[in-house]
Amino acid sequence: PYVLGTGLILYFLSKEIYVVTPETISAVSTIGLLV
């Protein structure tokens, strides 16, 4: 599961399917705060 999750994240980032933006940092911070 960890390898699958990491691979999917790297795949989305390398293919620029998901582009890291300031909203990404805000989303990660918000999710971390919620957790």
All heavy atoms as atom14 arrays in JSON, in Angstrom:
{
  "sequence": "PYVLGTGLILYFLSKEIYVVTPETISAVSTIGLLV",
  "atom14_mask": [
    [1, 1, 1, 1, 1, 1, 1, 0, 0, 0, 0, 0, 0, 0],
    [1, 1, 1, 1, 1, 1, 1, 1, 1, 1, 1, 1, 0, 0],
    [1, 1, 1, 1, 1, 1, 1, 0, 0, 0, 0, 0, 0, 0],
    [1, 1, 1, 1, 1, 1, 1, 1, 0, 0, 0, 0, 0, 0],
    [1, 1, 1, 1, 0, 0, 0, 0, 0, 0, 0, 0, 0, 0],
    [1, 1, 1, 1, 1, 1, 1, 0, 0, 0, 0, 0, 0, 0],
    [1, 1, 1, 1, 0, 0, 0, 0, 0, 0, 0, 0, 0, 0],
    [1, 1, 1, 1, 1, 1, 1, 1, 0, 0, 0, 0, 0, 0],
    [1, 1, 1, 1, 1, 1, 1, 1, 0, 0, 0, 0, 0, 0],
    [1, 1, 1, 1, 1, 1, 1, 1, 0, 0, 0, 0, 0, 0],
    [1, 1, 1, 1, 1, 1, 1, 1, 1, 1, 1, 1, 0, 0],
    [1, 1, 1, 1, 1, 1, 1, 1, 1, 1, 1, 0, 0, 0],
    [1, 1, 1, 1, 1, 1, 1, 1, 0, 0, 0, 0, 0, 0],
    [1, 1, 1, 1, 1, 1, 0, 0, 0, 0, 0, 0, 0, 0],
    [1, 1, 1, 1, 1, 1, 1, 1, 1, 0, 0, 0, 0, 0],
    [1, 1, 1, 1, 1, 1, 1, 1, 1, 0, 0, 0, 0, 0],
    [1, 1, 1, 1, 1, 1, 1, 1, 0, 0, 0, 0, 0, 0],
    [1, 1, 1, 1, 1, 1, 1, 1, 1, 1, 1, 1, 0, 0],
    [1, 1, 1, 1, 1, 1, 1, 0, 0, 0, 0, 0, 0, 0],
    [1, 1, 1, 1, 1, 1, 1, 0, 0, 0, 0, 0, 0, 0],
    [1, 1, 1, 1, 1, 1, 1, 0, 0, 0, 0, 0, 0, 0],
    [1, 1, 1, 1, 1, 1, 1, 0, 0, 0, 0, 0, 0, 0],
    [1, 1, 1, 1, 1, 1, 1, 1, 1, 0, 0, 0, 0, 0],
    [1, 1, 1, 1, 1, 1, 1, 0, 0, 0, 0, 0, 0, 0],
    [1, 1, 1, 1, 1, 1, 1, 1, 0, 0, 0, 0, 0, 0],
    [1, 1, 1, 1, 1, 1, 0, 0, 0, 0, 0, 0, 0, 0],
    [1, 1, 1, 1, 1, 0, 0, 0, 0, 0, 0, 0, 0, 0],
    [1, 1, 1, 1, 1, 1, 1, 0, 0, 0, 0, 0, 0, 0],
    [1, 1, 1, 1, 1, 1, 0, 0, 0, 0, 0, 0, 0, 0],
    [1, 1, 1, 1, 1, 1, 1, 0, 0, 0, 0, 0, 0, 0],
    [1, 1, 1, 1, 1, 1, 1, 1, 0, 0, 0, 0, 0, 0],
    [1, 1, 1, 1, 0, 0, 0, 0, 0, 0, 0, 0, 0, 0],
    [1, 1, 1, 1, 1, 1, 1, 1, 0, 0, 0, 0, 0, 0],
    [1, 1, 1, 1, 1, 1, 1, 1, 0, 0, 0, 0, 0, 0],
    [1, 1, 1, 1, 1, 1, 1, 0, 0, 0, 0, 0, 0, 0]
  ],
  "atom14_positions": [
    [[0.81, -1.22, 0.0], [0.0, 0.0, 0.0], [0.84, 1.27, 0.0], [0.51, 2.24, -0.69], [-0.82, -0.12, 1.29], [-0.89, -1.58, 1.57], [0.42, -2.14, 1.1], [0.0, 0.0, 0.0], [0.0, 0.0, 0.0], [0.0, 0.0, 0.0], [0.0, 0.0, 0.0], [0.0, 0.0, 0.0], [0.0, 0.0, 0.0], [0.0, 0.0, 0.0]],
    [[1.95, 1.24, 0.77], [2.8, 2.43, 0.81], [3.49, 2.66, -0.53], [3.58, 3.79, -1.03], [3.83, 2.31, 1.93], [3.21, 2.13, 3.3], [3.1, 0.86, 3.87], [2.71, 3.21, 3.99], [2.51, 0.7, 5.12], [2.13, 3.06, 5.25], [2.03, 1.79, 5.79], [1.45, 1.64, 7.02], [0.0, 0.0, 0.0], [0.0, 0.0, 0.0]],
    [[3.99, 1.57, -1.15], [4.64, 1.7, -2.46], [3.64, 2.16, -3.5], [3.94, 3.01, -4.36], [5.27, 0.35, -2.86], [5.8, 0.4, -4.3], [6.4, -0.02, -1.91], [0.0, 0.0, 0.0], [0.0, 0.0, 0.0], [0.0, 0.0, 0.0], [0.0, 0.0, 0.0], [0.0, 0.0, 0.0], [0.0, 0.0, 0.0], [0.0, 0.0, 0.0]],
    [[2.38, 1.63, -3.42], [1.36, 2.04, -4.38], [1.03, 3.52, -4.22], [0.93, 4.26, -5.22], [0.1, 1.19, -4.18], [-1.1, 1.55, -5.08], [-0.72, 1.38, -6.56], [-2.31, 0.69, -4.73], [0.0, 0.0, 0.0], [0.0, 0.0, 0.0], [0.0, 0.0, 0.0], [0.0, 0.0, 0.0], [0.0, 0.0, 0.0], [0.0, 0.0, 0.0]],
    [[0.87, 3.94, -2.99], [0.55, 5.34, -2.77], [1.68, 6.26, -3.2], [1.46, 7.28, -3.87], [0.0, 0.0, 0.0], [0.0, 0.0, 0.0], [0.0, 0.0, 0.0], [0.0, 0.0, 0.0], [0.0, 0.0, 0.0], [0.0, 0.0, 0.0], [0.0, 0.0, 0.0], [0.0, 0.0, 0.0], [0.0, 0.0, 0.0], [0.0, 0.0, 0.0]],
    [[2.9, 5.89, -2.85], [4.04, 6.73, -3.24], [4.2, 6.75, -4.75], [4.47, 7.8, -5.36], [5.32, 6.2, -2.58], [5.11, 6.13, -1.16], [6.5, 7.11, -2.88], [0.0, 0.0, 0.0], [0.0, 0.0, 0.0], [0.0, 0.0, 0.0], [0.0, 0.0, 0.0], [0.0, 0.0, 0.0], [0.0, 0.0, 0.0], [0.0, 0.0, 0.0]],
    [[4.03, 5.61, -5.4], [4.16, 5.56, -6.85], [3.11, 6.4, -7.56], [3.4, 7.09, -8.54], [0.0, 0.0, 0.0], [0.0, 0.0, 0.0], [0.0, 0.0, 0.0], [0.0, 0.0, 0.0], [0.0, 0.0, 0.0], [0.0, 0.0, 0.0], [0.0, 0.0, 0.0], [0.0, 0.0, 0.0], [0.0, 0.0, 0.0], [0.0, 0.0, 0.0]],
    [[1.86, 6.35, -7.04], [0.82, 7.16, -7.65], [1.12, 8.65, -7.5], [0.93, 9.43, -8.45], [-0.54, 6.84, -7.01], [-1.15, 5.47, -7.37], [-2.42, 5.22, -6.58], [-1.43, 5.39, -8.87], [0.0, 0.0, 0.0], [0.0, 0.0, 0.0], [0.0, 0.0, 0.0], [0.0, 0.0, 0.0], [0.0, 0.0, 0.0], [0.0, 0.0, 0.0]],
    [[1.6, 9.03, -6.31], [1.91, 10.45, -6.11], [3.04, 10.9, -7.05], [2.95, 11.96, -7.7], [2.29, 10.69, -4.63], [1.05, 10.49, -3.74], [2.84, 12.11, -4.44], [1.36, 10.53, -2.26], [0.0, 0.0, 0.0], [0.0, 0.0, 0.0], [0.0, 0.0, 0.0], [0.0, 0.0, 0.0], [0.0, 0.0, 0.0], [0.0, 0.0, 0.0]],
    [[4.09, 10.08, -7.13], [5.19, 10.43, -8.03], [4.76, 10.43, -9.49], [5.21, 11.27, -10.29], [6.35, 9.45, -7.83], [7.04, 9.51, -6.45], [8.1, 8.43, -6.32], [7.64, 10.89, -6.22], [0.0, 0.0, 0.0], [0.0, 0.0, 0.0], [0.0, 0.0, 0.0], [0.0, 0.0, 0.0], [0.0, 0.0, 0.0], [0.0, 0.0, 0.0]],
    [[3.85, 9.51, -9.84], [3.37, 9.46, -11.23], [2.59, 10.73, -11.56], [2.78, 11.34, -12.62], [2.5, 8.22, -11.41], [1.86, 8.14, -12.77], [2.6, 7.79, -13.91], [0.5, 8.43, -12.93], [1.99, 7.73, -15.16], [-0.1, 8.37, -14.17], [0.65, 8.02, -15.28], [0.06, 7.97, -16.51], [0.0, 0.0, 0.0], [0.0, 0.0, 0.0]],
    [[1.68, 11.13, -10.65], [0.91, 12.35, -10.91], [1.79, 13.58, -10.98], [1.55, 14.48, -11.8], [-0.15, 12.54, -9.81], [-1.3, 11.56, -9.92], [-1.93, 11.06, -8.78], [-1.75, 11.12, -11.16], [-2.97, 10.17, -8.89], [-2.8, 10.23, -11.26], [-3.41, 9.75, -10.13], [0.0, 0.0, 0.0], [0.0, 0.0, 0.0], [0.0, 0.0, 0.0]],
    [[2.84, 13.61, -10.14], [3.72, 14.77, -10.15], [4.64, 14.78, -11.37], [4.86, 15.84, -11.97], [4.54, 14.81, -8.86], [3.76, 15.07, -7.56], [4.69, 14.97, -6.36], [3.08, 16.43, -7.6], [0.0, 0.0, 0.0], [0.0, 0.0, 0.0], [0.0, 0.0, 0.0], [0.0, 0.0, 0.0], [0.0, 0.0, 0.0], [0.0, 0.0, 0.0]],
    [[5.18, 13.6, -11.76], [6.11, 13.55, -12.89], [5.41, 13.83, -14.21], [5.97, 14.49, -15.1], [6.81, 12.19, -12.92], [5.87, 11.16, -13.17], [0.0, 0.0, 0.0], [0.0, 0.0, 0.0], [0.0, 0.0, 0.0], [0.0, 0.0, 0.0], [0.0, 0.0, 0.0], [0.0, 0.0, 0.0], [0.0, 0.0, 0.0], [0.0, 0.0, 0.0]],
    [[4.19, 13.34, -14.33], [3.43, 13.56, -15.57], [2.68, 14.88, -15.54], [1.95, 15.19, -16.49], [2.44, 12.42, -15.79], [3.11, 11.06, -16.02], [3.98, 11.07, -17.26], [4.59, 9.7, -17.53], [5.41, 9.69, -18.75], [0.0, 0.0, 0.0], [0.0, 0.0, 0.0], [0.0, 0.0, 0.0], [0.0, 0.0, 0.0], [0.0, 0.0, 0.0]],
    [[2.85, 15.61, -14.46], [2.17, 16.89, -14.29], [0.65, 16.77, -14.41], [-0.04, 17.67, -14.86], [2.69, 17.93, -15.29], [4.13, 18.31, -15.07], [4.6, 19.4, -16.0], [3.78, 19.8, -16.86], [5.74, 19.85, -15.85], [0.0, 0.0, 0.0], [0.0, 0.0, 0.0], [0.0, 0.0, 0.0], [0.0, 0.0, 0.0], [0.0, 0.0, 0.0]],
    [[0.2, 15.59, -14.0], [-1.25, 15.45, -13.89], [-1.75, 16.32, -12.75], [-2.82, 16.93, -12.82], [-1.62, 13.98, -13.68], [-1.19, 13.15, -14.91], [-3.12, 13.81, -13.42], [-1.39, 11.68, -14.75], [0.0, 0.0, 0.0], [0.0, 0.0, 0.0], [0.0, 0.0, 0.0], [0.0, 0.0, 0.0], [0.0, 0.0, 0.0], [0.0, 0.0, 0.0]],
    [[-0.98, 16.35, -11.68], [-1.28, 17.25, -10.56], [-0.09, 18.2, -10.45], [1.05, 17.77, -10.26], [-1.48, 16.48, -9.26], [-1.84, 17.39, -8.1], [-3.13, 17.84, -7.93], [-0.85, 17.81, -7.21], [-3.44, 18.69, -6.88], [-1.15, 18.66, -6.17], [-2.46, 19.1, -6.0], [-2.77, 19.95, -4.98], [0.0, 0.0, 0.0], [0.0, 0.0, 0.0]],
    [[-0.35, 19.47, -10.56], [0.69, 20.49, -10.5], [0.68, 21.09, -9.09], [-0.38, 21.46, -8.57], [0.46, 21.59, -11.55], [1.56, 22.65, -11.46], [0.43, 20.98, -12.95], [0.0, 0.0, 0.0], [0.0, 0.0, 0.0], [0.0, 0.0, 0.0], [0.0, 0.0, 0.0], [0.0, 0.0, 0.0], [0.0, 0.0, 0.0], [0.0, 0.0, 0.0]],
    [[1.9, 21.14, -8.49], [2.0, 21.7, -7.15], [1.86, 23.21, -7.23], [2.6, 23.88, -7.96], [3.35, 21.32, -6.51], [3.47, 21.95, -5.11], [3.47, 19.81, -6.41], [0.0, 0.0, 0.0], [0.0, 0.0, 0.0], [0.0, 0.0, 0.0], [0.0, 0.0, 0.0], [0.0, 0.0, 0.0], [0.0, 0.0, 0.0], [0.0, 0.0, 0.0]],
    [[0.9, 23.73, -6.48], [0.61, 25.17, -6.45], [0.54, 25.62, -4.99], [0.6, 24.79, -4.07], [-0.72, 25.47, -7.15], [-1.76, 24.75, -6.48], [-0.68, 25.04, -8.62], [0.0, 0.0, 0.0], [0.0, 0.0, 0.0], [0.0, 0.0, 0.0], [0.0, 0.0, 0.0], [0.0, 0.0, 0.0], [0.0, 0.0, 0.0], [0.0, 0.0, 0.0]],
    [[0.44, 26.92, -4.76], [0.27, 27.36, -3.36], [-0.95, 26.76, -2.68], [-0.97, 26.57, -1.46], [0.14, 28.88, -3.5], [0.9, 29.21, -4.75], [0.68, 28.06, -5.68], [0.0, 0.0, 0.0], [0.0, 0.0, 0.0], [0.0, 0.0, 0.0], [0.0, 0.0, 0.0], [0.0, 0.0, 0.0], [0.0, 0.0, 0.0], [0.0, 0.0, 0.0]],
    [[-1.98, 26.44, -3.46], [-3.16, 25.8, -2.86], [-2.81, 24.42, -2.31], [-3.42, 23.94, -1.35], [-4.28, 25.69, -3.89], [-4.99, 26.99, -4.2], [-4.17, 27.88, -5.15], [-3.12, 27.41, -5.62], [-4.58, 29.01, -5.41], [0.0, 0.0, 0.0], [0.0, 0.0, 0.0], [0.0, 0.0, 0.0], [0.0, 0.0, 0.0], [0.0, 0.0, 0.0]],
    [[-1.82, 23.76, -2.95], [-1.41, 22.45, -2.46], [-0.83, 22.56, -1.05], [-1.14, 21.75, -0.16], [-0.38, 21.84, -3.41], [-0.93, 21.77, -4.73], [-0.01, 20.44, -2.96], [0.0, 0.0, 0.0], [0.0, 0.0, 0.0], [0.0, 0.0, 0.0], [0.0, 0.0, 0.0], [0.0, 0.0, 0.0], [0.0, 0.0, 0.0], [0.0, 0.0, 0.0]],
    [[0.06, 23.58, -0.87], [0.64, 23.79, 0.46], [-0.47, 24.09, 1.47], [-0.47, 23.58, 2.6], [1.67, 24.92, 0.42], [2.72, 24.66, -0.67], [2.32, 25.09, 1.78], [3.49, 23.37, -0.48], [0.0, 0.0, 0.0], [0.0, 0.0, 0.0], [0.0, 0.0, 0.0], [0.0, 0.0, 0.0], [0.0, 0.0, 0.0], [0.0, 0.0, 0.0]],
    [[-1.43, 24.91, 1.06], [-2.55, 25.23, 1.97], [-3.38, 24.0, 2.3], [-3.78, 23.79, 3.46], [-3.44, 26.3, 1.33], [-2.7, 27.48, 1.07], [0.0, 0.0, 0.0], [0.0, 0.0, 0.0], [0.0, 0.0, 0.0], [0.0, 0.0, 0.0], [0.0, 0.0, 0.0], [0.0, 0.0, 0.0], [0.0, 0.0, 0.0], [0.0, 0.0, 0.0]],
    [[-3.59, 23.15, 1.28], [-4.38, 21.93, 1.51], [-3.65, 20.99, 2.45], [-4.25, 20.41, 3.37], [-4.67, 21.25, 0.18], [0.0, 0.0, 0.0], [0.0, 0.0, 0.0], [0.0, 0.0, 0.0], [0.0, 0.0, 0.0], [0.0, 0.0, 0.0], [0.0, 0.0, 0.0], [0.0, 0.0, 0.0], [0.0, 0.0, 0.0], [0.0, 0.0, 0.0]],
    [[-2.31, 20.82, 2.24], [-1.54, 19.93, 3.12], [-1.54, 20.47, 4.55], [-1.69, 19.72, 5.52], [-0.1, 19.78, 2.58], [0.76, 19.02, 3.58], [-0.11, 19.05, 1.24], [0.0, 0.0, 0.0], [0.0, 0.0, 0.0], [0.0, 0.0, 0.0], [0.0, 0.0, 0.0], [0.0, 0.0, 0.0], [0.0, 0.0, 0.0], [0.0, 0.0, 0.0]],
    [[-1.37, 21.8, 4.67], [-1.39, 22.39, 6.02], [-2.75, 22.22, 6.68], [-2.85, 21.9, 7.88], [-1.03, 23.88, 5.92], [0.23, 24.05, 5.32], [0.0, 0.0, 0.0], [0.0, 0.0, 0.0], [0.0, 0.0, 0.0], [0.0, 0.0, 0.0], [0.0, 0.0, 0.0], [0.0, 0.0, 0.0], [0.0, 0.0, 0.0], [0.0, 0.0, 0.0]],
    [[-3.8, 22.43, 5.9], [-5.15, 22.29, 6.47], [-5.42, 20.86, 6.89], [-5.96, 20.6, 7.98], [-6.2, 22.74, 5.44], [-5.92, 24.09, 5.05], [-7.6, 22.65, 6.02], [0.0, 0.0, 0.0], [0.0, 0.0, 0.0], [0.0, 0.0, 0.0], [0.0, 0.0, 0.0], [0.0, 0.0, 0.0], [0.0, 0.0, 0.0], [0.0, 0.0, 0.0]],
    [[-5.05, 19.9, 6.03], [-5.26, 18.49, 6.37], [-4.46, 18.12, 7.61], [-4.93, 17.41, 8.5], [-4.91, 17.61, 5.17], [-5.9, 17.84, 4.02], [-4.91, 16.14, 5.57], [-5.53, 17.14, 2.73], [0.0, 0.0, 0.0], [0.0, 0.0, 0.0], [0.0, 0.0, 0.0], [0.0, 0.0, 0.0], [0.0, 0.0, 0.0], [0.0, 0.0, 0.0]],
    [[-3.2, 18.59, 7.67], [-2.38, 18.3, 8.85], [-2.97, 18.89, 10.11], [-2.98, 18.26, 11.18], [0.0, 0.0, 0.0], [0.0, 0.0, 0.0], [0.0, 0.0, 0.0], [0.0, 0.0, 0.0], [0.0, 0.0, 0.0], [0.0, 0.0, 0.0], [0.0, 0.0, 0.0], [0.0, 0.0, 0.0], [0.0, 0.0, 0.0], [0.0, 0.0, 0.0]],
    [[-3.5, 20.11, 10.0], [-4.12, 20.74, 11.15], [-5.37, 19.98, 11.58], [-5.62, 19.78, 12.78], [-4.48, 22.19, 10.82], [-5.15, 23.0, 11.93], [-4.23, 23.1, 13.14], [-5.53, 24.39, 11.43], [0.0, 0.0, 0.0], [0.0, 0.0, 0.0], [0.0, 0.0, 0.0], [0.0, 0.0, 0.0], [0.0, 0.0, 0.0], [0.0, 0.0, 0.0]],
    [[-6.15, 19.53, 10.6], [-7.35, 18.76, 10.94], [-7.0, 17.45, 11.62], [-7.62, 17.05, 12.61], [-8.18, 18.49, 9.67], [-8.89, 19.69, 9.04], [-9.58, 19.28, 7.74], [-9.91, 20.28, 10.0], [0.0, 0.0, 0.0], [0.0, 0.0, 0.0], [0.0, 0.0, 0.0], [0.0, 0.0, 0.0], [0.0, 0.0, 0.0], [0.0, 0.0, 0.0]],
    [[-5.96, 16.78, 11.11], [-5.52, 15.53, 11.72], [-5.05, 15.77, 13.14], [-5.36, 15.01, 14.08], [-4.42, 14.87, 10.87], [-3.81, 13.68, 11.6], [-4.98, 14.43, 9.53], [0.0, 0.0, 0.0], [0.0, 0.0, 0.0], [0.0, 0.0, 0.0], [0.0, 0.0, 0.0], [0.0, 0.0, 0.0], [0.0, 0.0, 0.0], [0.0, 0.0, 0.0]]
  ]
}
